[in-house]
Protein backbone atom coordinates (compact mmCIF):
# COMPACT_ATOMS: atom_id res chain seq x y z
CA MET A 1 0.01 -0.08 0.00
CA ALA A 2 1.04 3.25 -0.81
CA GLU A 3 -0.68 5.77 1.39
CA VAL A 4 1.16 9.37 1.96
CA GLU A 5 0.81 11.14 4.91
CA LEU A 6 1.91 14.57 5.99
CA ARG A 7 0.87 15.54 10.28
CA ALA A 8 2.13 19.03 10.93
CA VAL A 9 4.83 19.40 8.53
CA THR A 10 6.55 22.82 8.22
CA LYS A 11 9.49 24.07 6.35
CA SER A 12 11.57 27.44 6.77
CA PHE A 13 14.41 28.67 4.85
CA GLY A 14 16.62 30.80 7.62
CA LYS A 15 13.40 32.89 8.70
CA VAL A 16 11.15 32.40 5.67
CA ALA A 17 8.38 29.80 7.04
CA VAL A 18 7.27 28.38 3.67
CA CYS A 19 4.80 25.31 4.48
CA LYS A 20 2.93 25.99 8.51
CA GLY A 21 1.93 22.53 9.60
CA VAL A 22 0.95 20.99 6.64
CA ASP A 23 -1.79 18.69 7.12
CA LEU A 24 -2.72 15.85 4.42
CA GLN A 25 -3.34 12.42 3.46
CA VAL A 26 -3.99 10.83 0.03
CA ALA A 27 -5.10 6.99 0.02
CA ASP A 28 -3.47 4.36 -1.63
CA GLY A 29 -3.70 4.35 -6.07
CA GLU A 30 -5.55 8.34 -5.57
CA PHE A 31 -4.53 11.03 -7.92
CA VAL A 32 -4.19 14.33 -5.40
CA THR A 33 -3.26 17.95 -6.95
CA LEU A 34 -1.73 20.49 -4.70
CA LEU A 35 -3.19 23.61 -5.87
CA GLY A 36 -2.68 27.02 -5.43
CA PRO A 37 -0.76 30.82 -6.69
CA SER A 38 2.70 31.35 -6.74
CA GLY A 39 4.32 30.88 -3.41
CA CYS A 40 1.92 28.94 -1.90
CA GLY A 41 4.04 26.24 -1.06
CA LYS A 42 2.53 23.47 -3.03
CA THR A 43 6.08 22.74 -4.90
CA THR A 44 7.81 23.24 -1.49
CA THR A 45 5.64 20.54 0.26
CA LEU A 46 5.89 18.39 -3.00
CA ASN A 47 9.94 18.51 -2.87
CA LEU A 48 9.16 17.76 1.25
CA ILE A 49 7.52 14.34 0.47
CA ALA A 50 10.18 13.71 -2.92
CA GLY A 51 13.62 14.00 -0.01
CA LEU A 52 14.30 17.21 -2.17
CA GLU A 53 13.98 19.11 0.83
CA ASP A 54 13.84 18.49 4.66
CA ALA A 55 11.00 19.40 7.08
CA SER A 56 11.79 21.29 10.14
CA ALA A 57 9.06 20.11 11.68
CA GLY A 58 6.44 17.15 11.48
CA ASP A 59 6.43 13.61 10.32
CA ILE A 60 6.12 12.35 6.49
CA LEU A 61 4.64 8.97 5.98
CA ILE A 62 4.87 6.69 3.07
CA GLY A 63 2.87 3.41 2.89
CA GLY A 64 2.71 3.71 6.77
CA ARG A 65 6.57 4.23 6.92
CA ARG A 66 7.88 7.49 8.28
CA VAL A 67 10.18 8.37 5.37
CA ASN A 68 11.72 11.98 6.85
CA ASP A 69 15.66 10.57 7.11
CA LEU A 70 15.17 8.48 4.09
CA THR A 71 16.89 9.35 0.64
CA PRO A 72 14.51 10.51 -2.43
CA PHE A 73 15.73 6.70 -4.05
CA GLU A 74 14.83 5.09 -0.86
CA ARG A 75 11.16 6.46 -0.67
CA ASP A 76 10.67 4.17 -3.96
CA VAL A 77 8.97 7.98 -5.49
CA ALA A 78 9.56 9.05 -9.19
CA MET A 79 9.26 12.16 -9.66
CA VAL A 80 8.24 14.74 -13.66
CA PHE A 81 9.61 17.68 -13.54
CA GLN A 82 8.73 21.09 -14.77
CA ASN A 83 11.55 21.34 -17.18
CA TYR A 84 11.49 17.83 -18.11
CA ALA A 85 15.22 17.83 -16.83
CA LEU A 86 16.40 14.44 -19.73
CA TYR A 87 19.70 13.77 -20.16
CA PRO A 88 20.58 15.76 -23.77
CA HIS A 89 23.22 13.49 -25.16
CA MET A 90 21.20 10.10 -24.80
CA THR A 91 19.00 8.85 -26.67
CA VAL A 92 15.29 8.73 -25.89
CA ALA A 93 15.64 4.43 -24.97
CA GLU A 94 18.66 5.77 -23.38
CA ASN A 95 17.02 8.03 -21.15
CA ILE A 96 13.91 6.02 -20.27
CA GLY A 97 16.84 3.38 -19.28
CA PHE A 98 18.81 5.09 -17.29
CA THR A 99 17.80 4.11 -14.02
CA LEU A 100 17.13 0.81 -14.48
CA ARG A 101 21.02 0.54 -15.74
CA LEU A 102 21.94 2.06 -12.76
CA ARG A 103 20.43 -0.72 -11.23
CA GLY A 104 22.27 -3.11 -12.61
CA ILE A 105 19.51 -4.92 -14.65
CA ALA A 106 20.49 -7.12 -17.75
CA ARG A 107 21.04 -4.69 -20.94
CA GLU A 108 17.96 -7.43 -22.85
CA ALA A 109 15.87 -7.28 -20.09
CA VAL A 110 16.42 -3.34 -20.02
CA ARG A 111 15.70 -3.27 -23.76
CA GLN A 112 12.05 -4.99 -22.97
CA ARG A 113 10.94 -2.52 -20.61
CA VAL A 114 11.84 0.16 -22.27
CA ALA A 115 10.16 -0.93 -25.71
CA ALA A 116 7.02 -1.63 -23.19
CA VAL A 117 7.26 2.20 -21.88
CA ALA A 118 7.68 3.61 -25.37
CA GLU A 119 4.72 1.77 -26.85
CA SER A 120 2.11 2.32 -24.15
CA LEU A 121 3.45 6.30 -24.44
CA GLU A 122 3.28 6.01 -28.00
CA LEU A 123 7.38 6.37 -28.42
CA GLY A 124 8.16 3.66 -29.91
CA PRO A 125 9.37 6.32 -33.30
CA VAL A 126 11.12 7.99 -31.51
CA LEU A 127 13.53 5.67 -29.19
CA HIS A 128 16.68 6.63 -31.49
CA ARG A 129 16.25 10.46 -31.47
CA VAL A 130 18.19 13.13 -28.74
CA PRO A 131 15.83 15.45 -26.77
CA ALA A 132 16.42 18.34 -29.11
CA GLN A 133 14.95 16.28 -31.58
CA LEU A 134 11.61 16.20 -29.84
CA SER A 135 8.36 18.37 -30.04
CA GLY A 136 8.13 19.56 -26.27
CA GLY A 137 4.61 16.69 -25.83
CA GLN A 138 7.24 14.25 -27.01
CA GLN A 139 9.68 15.12 -24.04
CA GLN A 140 6.93 15.58 -21.70
CA ARG A 141 6.04 11.54 -22.64
CA VAL A 142 9.87 10.47 -22.11
CA ALA A 143 9.60 12.31 -18.83
CA LEU A 144 6.76 10.34 -18.43
CA GLY A 145 8.10 7.18 -19.16
CA ARG A 146 11.98 7.31 -17.54
CA ALA A 147 9.28 7.44 -14.30
CA ILE A 148 6.64 4.38 -15.32
CA ILE A 149 9.72 2.16 -15.68
CA ARG A 150 11.05 2.32 -12.05
CA GLU A 151 8.09 1.05 -10.78
CA PRO A 152 7.33 3.69 -7.49
CA GLN A 153 4.59 3.66 -4.93
CA VAL A 154 4.26 6.84 -5.47
CA PHE A 155 4.04 9.75 -8.83
CA LEU A 156 5.18 13.60 -7.99
CA PHE A 157 4.30 15.82 -10.41
CA ASP A 158 5.94 19.44 -10.60
CA GLU A 159 4.09 21.34 -12.89
CA PRO A 160 4.68 19.25 -15.93
CA PHE A 161 2.84 21.37 -18.84
CA SER A 162 3.48 24.71 -17.51
CA ASN A 163 6.13 25.03 -20.44
CA LEU A 164 3.78 23.22 -23.14
CA ASP A 165 0.96 25.15 -25.32
CA ALA A 166 -2.38 25.44 -24.71
CA GLY A 167 -3.36 22.78 -27.04
CA LEU A 168 -1.12 20.10 -25.96
CA ARG A 169 -1.79 21.15 -22.22
CA ILE A 170 -5.10 19.43 -22.84
CA LYS A 171 -3.96 16.57 -25.02
CA MET A 172 -1.41 15.60 -22.20
CA ARG A 173 -3.80 16.23 -19.46
CA ALA A 174 -6.11 13.54 -20.99
CA GLU A 175 -2.32 11.01 -21.30
CA VAL A 176 -1.66 11.55 -17.74
CA LYS A 177 -5.53 10.66 -16.60
CA GLU A 178 -5.61 7.59 -18.70
CA LEU A 179 -2.59 6.36 -17.41
CA HIS A 180 -3.41 7.17 -13.78
CA GLN A 181 -6.17 4.92 -14.94
CA ARG A 182 -4.42 1.62 -15.84
CA LEU A 183 -1.41 1.86 -13.68
CA GLY A 184 -3.40 2.95 -10.34
CA VAL A 185 -0.44 4.44 -8.40
CA THR A 186 -0.70 7.50 -5.82
CA SER A 187 -0.09 10.21 -7.93
CA ILE A 188 0.21 13.80 -6.24
CA PHE A 189 -0.12 16.37 -8.64
CA VAL A 190 1.21 20.36 -8.33
CA THR A 191 -0.32 23.08 -10.28
CA HIS A 192 -1.33 26.69 -10.31
CA ASP A 193 -4.13 25.97 -13.07
CA GLN A 194 -7.39 25.16 -11.63
CA GLU A 195 -8.56 23.41 -14.82
CA GLU A 196 -5.55 20.72 -14.61
CA ALA A 197 -6.51 20.43 -10.89
CA LEU A 198 -10.68 20.23 -11.60
CA SER A 199 -10.31 17.68 -14.55
CA LEU A 200 -7.36 15.43 -12.93
CA SER A 201 -7.81 15.20 -9.52
CA ASP A 202 -10.04 12.48 -7.22
CA ARG A 203 -9.55 15.31 -4.34
CA ILE A 204 -7.67 18.79 -4.16
CA ALA A 205 -5.85 20.58 -1.79
CA VAL A 206 -6.35 23.94 -1.88
CA MET A 207 -3.19 25.83 -0.45
CA ARG A 208 -3.06 29.26 1.03
CA GLU A 209 0.25 31.10 2.34
CA GLY A 210 1.59 27.10 3.37
CA ARG A 211 -1.41 25.90 4.77
CA VAL A 212 -3.97 23.33 3.34
CA GLU A 213 -7.43 26.15 2.72
CA GLN A 214 -9.45 23.51 1.79
CA PHE A 215 -8.99 19.18 0.90
CA GLY A 216 -11.96 17.84 -0.77
CA THR A 217 -13.26 16.58 -4.06
CA PRO A 218 -13.41 18.74 -7.21
CA ALA A 219 -17.29 18.75 -6.97
CA GLU A 220 -17.06 19.73 -3.49
CA VAL A 221 -13.95 22.48 -3.83
CA TYR A 222 -16.48 23.87 -6.68
CA THR A 223 -19.56 23.60 -5.32
CA ARG A 224 -18.74 24.20 -1.27
CA PRO A 225 -15.94 26.19 -1.11
CA VAL A 226 -15.46 26.91 2.56
CA SER A 227 -13.55 30.47 1.82
CA LYS A 228 -13.96 33.31 -0.19
CA TYR A 229 -10.52 32.38 -1.28
CA VAL A 230 -11.53 29.05 -2.61
CA ALA A 231 -14.62 30.61 -3.84
CA ARG A 232 -12.40 32.83 -5.98
CA PHE A 233 -9.40 30.32 -6.88
CA ILE A 234 -11.64 27.89 -8.19
CA GLY A 235 -14.02 28.48 -11.55
CA SER A 236 -13.77 30.58 -14.61
CA PRO A 237 -14.24 33.58 -14.75
CA PRO A 238 -13.22 34.26 -10.99
CA LEU A 239 -16.29 34.62 -8.93
CA GLU A 240 -17.59 38.31 -7.36
CA PHE A 241 -18.72 39.03 -3.84
CA LEU A 242 -21.11 41.42 -3.55
CA SER A 243 -21.47 43.21 0.45
CA GLY A 244 -25.15 43.21 1.31
CA ARG A 245 -27.67 42.70 4.18
CA VAL A 246 -30.93 41.11 4.86
CA GLU A 247 -33.88 43.56 4.96
CA SER A 248 -37.93 43.02 4.68
CA GLU A 249 -39.73 43.87 0.89
CA GLY A 250 -43.36 43.21 0.74
CA GLY A 251 -43.35 41.66 4.04
CA LEU A 252 -40.71 38.88 2.35
CA PRO A 253 -36.74 38.45 3.19
CA VAL A 254 -34.44 39.45 0.98
CA PHE A 255 -30.66 39.94 0.83
CA ARG A 256 -30.23 43.69 -0.30
CA VAL A 257 -27.08 44.22 -3.03
CA GLY A 258 -27.11 48.09 -3.20
CA ALA A 259 -30.28 48.69 -5.77
CA ALA A 260 -30.79 44.69 -6.52
CA ALA A 261 -32.64 42.26 -3.81
CA PHE A 262 -32.17 38.75 -4.21
CA PRO A 263 -35.14 36.97 -2.44
CA LEU A 264 -34.54 34.45 0.64
CA SER A 265 -36.42 31.92 2.44
CA LEU A 266 -37.58 32.67 5.84
CA LYS A 267 -34.81 29.97 6.87
CA THR A 268 -31.79 31.56 5.08
CA ALA A 269 -32.68 34.85 5.87
CA GLU A 270 -32.63 33.70 9.83
CA ARG A 271 -29.57 31.74 9.56
CA LEU A 272 -27.77 35.04 7.82
CA VAL A 273 -29.20 37.22 10.01
CA GLN A 274 -27.75 34.53 13.70
CA GLY A 275 -24.58 35.26 11.86
CA GLY A 276 -24.00 38.95 11.72
CA GLN A 277 -25.77 41.13 8.88
CA ASN A 278 -21.98 41.51 7.83
CA CYS A 279 -22.13 38.97 5.14
CA ALA A 280 -21.11 38.73 0.94
CA LEU A 281 -22.97 36.58 -1.79
CA GLY A 282 -21.46 35.15 -4.66
CA ALA A 283 -23.21 32.84 -7.18
CA ARG A 284 -21.52 31.36 -10.01
CA PRO A 285 -22.24 32.57 -13.28
CA GLU A 286 -23.69 29.20 -14.96
CA HIS A 287 -26.41 30.14 -12.09
CA VAL A 288 -27.03 33.48 -13.38
CA LEU A 289 -30.21 33.01 -15.50
CA LEU A 290 -31.22 35.96 -18.02
CA GLY A 291 -34.76 36.65 -19.06
CA SER A 292 -37.76 38.95 -19.01
CA SER A 293 -38.30 38.74 -15.41
CA GLY A 294 -36.27 39.23 -12.04
CA ILE A 295 -33.12 41.91 -11.47
CA ARG A 296 -32.78 44.82 -13.68
CA ALA A 297 -29.40 45.43 -14.61
CA THR A 298 -27.52 46.51 -17.82
CA VAL A 299 -25.16 44.44 -20.04
CA ARG A 300 -21.50 46.39 -18.97
CA LEU A 301 -19.60 43.81 -21.29
CA ALA A 302 -19.63 39.85 -23.01
CA GLN A 303 -17.30 37.80 -23.85
CA PRO A 304 -17.93 35.26 -26.32
CA VAL A 305 -15.27 32.15 -25.55
CA GLY A 306 -17.03 29.43 -28.59
CA PRO A 307 -19.03 27.24 -26.31
CA ALA A 308 -20.52 30.07 -24.20
CA THR A 309 -20.77 33.55 -23.96
CA PHE A 310 -19.75 35.41 -20.47
CA VAL A 311 -22.10 38.64 -20.17
CA THR A 312 -21.19 41.05 -17.30
CA LEU A 313 -24.12 42.34 -15.74
CA SER A 314 -24.22 45.63 -13.75
CA TRP A 315 -26.66 47.95 -11.50
CA GLU A 316 -26.43 50.88 -8.94
CA GLY A 317 -24.41 48.77 -5.83
CA GLY A 318 -23.36 45.60 -7.50
CA GLU A 319 -22.19 43.58 -10.51
CA LEU A 320 -22.42 39.66 -11.44
CA THR A 321 -21.51 37.56 -14.54
CA ALA A 322 -23.93 35.11 -16.07
CA ARG A 323 -22.80 32.29 -18.65
CA VAL A 324 -25.23 31.93 -21.79
CA PRO A 325 -24.74 29.28 -24.14
CA GLY A 326 -23.49 29.16 -27.55
CA MET A 327 -21.88 32.87 -29.34
CA ALA A 328 -24.89 35.29 -27.74
CA THR A 329 -24.51 39.05 -29.17
CA PHE A 330 -25.13 41.79 -26.37
CA ALA A 331 -24.91 45.56 -27.10
CA ALA A 332 -23.12 46.87 -24.46
CA GLY A 333 -25.41 49.50 -22.23
CA SER A 334 -28.90 47.48 -22.95
CA ALA A 335 -31.05 46.70 -20.10
CA VAL A 336 -32.06 42.75 -19.02
CA HIS A 337 -33.20 40.91 -16.27
CA PHE A 338 -31.67 38.47 -13.93
CA GLN A 339 -32.32 35.84 -11.36
CA VAL A 340 -30.22 33.31 -9.85
CA ASP A 341 -32.01 29.88 -10.77
CA ARG A 342 -31.63 28.84 -7.57
CA GLU A 343 -31.41 29.58 -3.49
CA GLU A 344 -29.04 26.87 -3.02
CA HIS A 345 -26.97 28.31 -5.46
CA LEU A 346 -26.21 31.69 -3.69
CA MET A 347 -23.29 31.50 -1.76
CA PHE A 348 -22.66 33.64 1.65
CA PHE A 349 -19.72 34.42 3.30
CA ASP A 350 -18.64 36.72 5.92
CA ASP A 351 -17.43 39.49 4.99
CA HIS A 352 -14.78 40.24 7.09
CA GLN A 353 -13.39 36.31 8.11
CA GLY A 354 -14.27 35.39 4.48
CA ARG A 355 -15.66 31.92 5.78
CA ARG A 356 -18.07 30.30 4.26
CA MET A 357 -21.57 30.33 6.57
CA ALA A 358 -23.19 27.21 6.67
CA MET A 359 -27.11 27.67 5.57
CA GLU A 360 -27.46 23.98 6.30
């Protein structure tokens, strides 16, 4: 079994604390992504698991064994780097089989295993080439092949697609996901790209300033973010937050944001009042519907992106974005009406602490 566990792991470089008590449990065979902006500690956390950095405090366990004092080789992990880290003077076959030759495995056995791995990654026709003769995608597959051939307990990926163009990144995402489904090896992936995290992961650890802010499935971090930070980092375009307060309009509760009044149930209104009046509302674009009734707003901006058009709606005291299917046309300054499809899709946050307010 190759579970990976971090218990209150910290890492400081001089007086700078990069990891501030990271707790994480990755199940055997699970694909987990460490997601966050530059400087949040995600790559340092990966390096601590790999043994490339020593933890300042805390415990790191792989397969139930404490590995803090073990070398990277003794931890039985394989890492795929951002810059591929291929040997430029070696052929593809030599790069893939290098770690096996270091172990003293017989030449013919190495050749057979290299051929099998190369076939699975569609690298057979280029085994004789050197890295300079390969495309970026082929170089990335060679780096994957070198990791696969070791048959490690854990795969570690450090932003492996960041040097690829957009189309190739999507293709490589699919290849890595298929690879994980086929091999079932515990995998930890680092990225700042929330689309990569959502498409690849069984669970996502959203990191913030050296700590794990939320750890959950892609659906959980997207639909039930624990804080403004997670809600804004996950999703495109980023979520807007609208500061407002609970009021009564015509005897019914509403959440007032400037000139707009969002209808509330009595139960939701009571919970918001109990939690304090200083709160903020957010709604994902796909839940903001345009129609002939609802809240009146003005179109500020329309952004067609192929399968959908994002329409920024503005009114006195607030602004939201709606997602309209297809390549729609909206004139800037035109009047529209909108509403949020269901109350459960309204997210409320404490306006000062930034934490999600429980409505259940």
